[in-house]
Amino acid sequence: MVAEAFVDCYDEHEQLSGLFVMIQENLAVPFGTEVLGVPVVVRKVDLRSAGIVAICHRGRLRQAIGILDLPLPDPAPDGAQWIEAYLGLAVEVPGVFVAGGVAVAGAPLAVRFSPRSCQAASSSQDCTSTGS
């Protein structure tokens, strides 16, 4: 599944962009969920320097929440398997978040993609992540 997102990707930035496009195109929005016990509506996803985020709305207020930190409702919306694929590529490195080569201090996860392993992956095989 991830190999589909990484077709023609040559570096970590392009791989993150590929995953973003697959999430954006396949995730059924809007959908409701709860963030810190407060009901919100996810209306879209966005790609920011810190990674892929969900834009959550509550009335006139809106907040970007890292897609990996977003609690999904049960049942999950269509396309949520792309978020799970993104999560499957995340590896823990305390204090640093690397997404597409951009590091943000204090975040809980590091995401590193291996371009060579993804270029070699067939459509029936998922790409693997590499630790930082």
Protein backbone atom coordinates (compact mmCIF):
# COMPACT_ATOMS: atom_id res chain seq x y z
CA MET A 1 0.00 0.00 0.00
CA VAL A 2 2.76 2.46 0.94
CA ALA A 3 4.65 1.57 -2.23
CA GLU A 4 1.74 3.12 -4.17
CA ALA A 5 2.28 6.43 -2.34
CA PHE A 6 6.04 6.31 -2.92
CA VAL A 7 6.01 5.75 -6.69
CA ASP A 8 8.62 8.06 -8.28
CA CYS A 9 9.69 9.48 -4.89
CA TYR A 10 13.39 10.20 -4.65
CA ASP A 11 13.79 11.56 -1.13
CA GLU A 12 12.06 11.86 2.25
CA HIS A 13 10.28 15.11 1.32
CA GLU A 14 8.69 13.52 -1.74
CA GLN A 15 7.72 10.42 0.25
CA LEU A 16 5.97 12.52 2.89
CA SER A 17 4.22 14.45 0.11
CA GLY A 18 3.18 11.16 -1.50
CA LEU A 19 1.62 9.93 1.75
CA PHE A 20 -0.09 13.30 2.22
CA VAL A 21 -1.65 13.10 -1.25
CA MET A 22 -2.93 9.56 -0.58
CA ILE A 23 -4.43 10.62 2.78
CA GLN A 24 -5.93 13.78 1.27
CA GLU A 25 -7.46 11.92 -1.67
CA ASN A 26 -8.74 8.89 0.26
CA LEU A 27 -9.74 10.09 3.75
CA ALA A 28 -13.50 10.72 3.90
CA VAL A 29 -13.94 14.17 5.42
CA PRO A 30 -15.69 15.70 7.24
CA PHE A 31 -15.91 13.33 10.18
CA GLY A 32 -16.37 13.80 13.90
CA THR A 33 -14.00 12.73 16.64
CA GLU A 34 -12.93 13.85 20.13
CA VAL A 35 -9.74 15.68 21.02
CA LEU A 36 -9.05 15.83 24.78
CA GLY A 37 -12.67 14.89 25.39
CA VAL A 38 -14.04 17.72 23.25
CA PRO A 39 -16.06 16.92 20.11
CA VAL A 40 -14.49 18.30 16.92
CA VAL A 41 -15.05 17.95 13.19
CA VAL A 42 -12.12 17.14 10.93
CA ARG A 43 -12.75 19.02 7.70
CA LYS A 44 -9.44 18.57 5.86
CA VAL A 45 -5.82 17.52 6.11
CA ASP A 46 -2.81 19.70 5.41
CA LEU A 47 0.93 19.29 4.94
CA ARG A 48 3.01 21.48 7.24
CA SER A 49 6.69 21.64 8.12
CA ALA A 50 6.06 19.34 11.11
CA GLY A 51 4.25 16.73 9.00
CA ILE A 52 0.69 15.85 8.05
CA VAL A 53 -2.00 17.50 10.19
CA ALA A 54 -5.78 17.28 10.50
CA ILE A 55 -7.61 20.61 10.61
CA CYS A 56 -10.14 20.23 13.44
CA HIS A 57 -13.08 22.60 13.89
CA ARG A 58 -15.34 23.31 16.85
CA GLY A 59 -17.70 26.16 16.11
CA ARG A 60 -15.57 29.10 14.98
CA LEU A 61 -12.40 27.64 16.46
CA ARG A 62 -9.97 25.49 14.51
CA GLN A 63 -6.79 23.70 15.44
CA ALA A 64 -4.22 21.70 13.50
CA ILE A 65 -3.57 18.34 15.16
CA GLY A 66 -0.82 15.99 14.00
CA ILE A 67 -2.53 13.21 12.05
CA LEU A 68 -0.57 10.64 14.07
CA ASP A 69 -1.97 12.14 17.30
CA LEU A 70 -5.56 12.32 16.09
CA PRO A 71 -7.91 9.88 17.83
CA LEU A 72 -10.01 8.23 15.12
CA PRO A 73 -13.69 7.51 15.75
CA ASP A 74 -15.07 3.99 15.81
CA PRO A 75 -15.81 3.08 13.11
CA ALA A 76 -12.95 4.92 11.42
CA PRO A 77 -13.78 6.95 8.31
CA ASP A 78 -13.06 5.54 4.86
CA GLY A 79 -9.42 6.03 3.93
CA ALA A 80 -8.15 5.82 7.53
CA GLN A 81 -5.91 2.93 6.47
CA TRP A 82 -3.58 5.56 4.94
CA ILE A 83 -3.16 7.16 8.38
CA GLU A 84 -2.37 3.70 9.78
CA ALA A 85 0.21 3.22 6.98
CA TYR A 86 1.83 6.55 7.94
CA LEU A 87 1.82 5.50 11.59
CA GLY A 88 3.42 2.18 10.63
CA LEU A 89 6.40 4.11 9.24
CA ALA A 90 6.94 6.06 12.45
CA VAL A 91 9.66 5.03 14.87
CA GLU A 92 10.15 6.47 18.32
CA VAL A 93 13.06 8.80 18.97
CA PRO A 94 12.42 10.77 22.19
CA GLY A 95 12.42 14.54 21.83
CA VAL A 96 12.64 14.79 18.03
CA PHE A 97 10.16 14.53 15.20
CA VAL A 98 11.58 14.16 11.73
CA ALA A 99 9.07 14.23 8.88
CA GLY A 100 10.39 14.77 5.42
CA GLY A 101 13.75 15.78 6.88
CA VAL A 102 12.35 18.56 9.10
CA ALA A 103 13.12 18.18 12.82
CA VAL A 104 10.88 19.70 15.49
CA ALA A 105 12.19 19.54 19.07
CA GLY A 106 9.96 18.05 21.74
CA ALA A 107 7.75 15.95 19.49
CA PRO A 108 7.41 12.24 20.33
CA LEU A 109 8.06 10.48 17.00
CA ALA A 110 10.66 10.39 14.27
CA VAL A 111 9.69 9.34 10.77
CA ARG A 112 12.42 8.27 8.38
CA PHE A 113 11.74 6.72 5.01
CA SER A 114 14.11 4.66 2.94
CA PRO A 115 13.87 5.77 -0.71
CA ARG A 116 15.82 2.79 -2.03
CA SER A 117 13.67 0.21 -0.27
CA CYS A 118 10.51 1.95 -1.46
CA GLN A 119 11.65 2.19 -5.07
CA ALA A 120 12.37 -1.51 -5.01
CA ALA A 121 9.05 -2.40 -3.34
CA SER A 122 6.42 -4.09 -5.44
CA SER A 123 2.74 -3.16 -5.23
CA SER A 124 2.13 -6.20 -2.98
CA GLN A 125 4.86 -5.19 -0.51
CA ASP A 126 4.93 -2.30 1.95
CA CYS A 127 7.97 -0.08 2.30
CA THR A 128 9.95 -0.24 5.52
CA SER A 129 11.06 2.64 7.67
CA THR A 130 14.59 3.17 8.82
CA GLY A 131 15.55 4.43 12.26
CA SER A 132 17.26 7.80 12.70
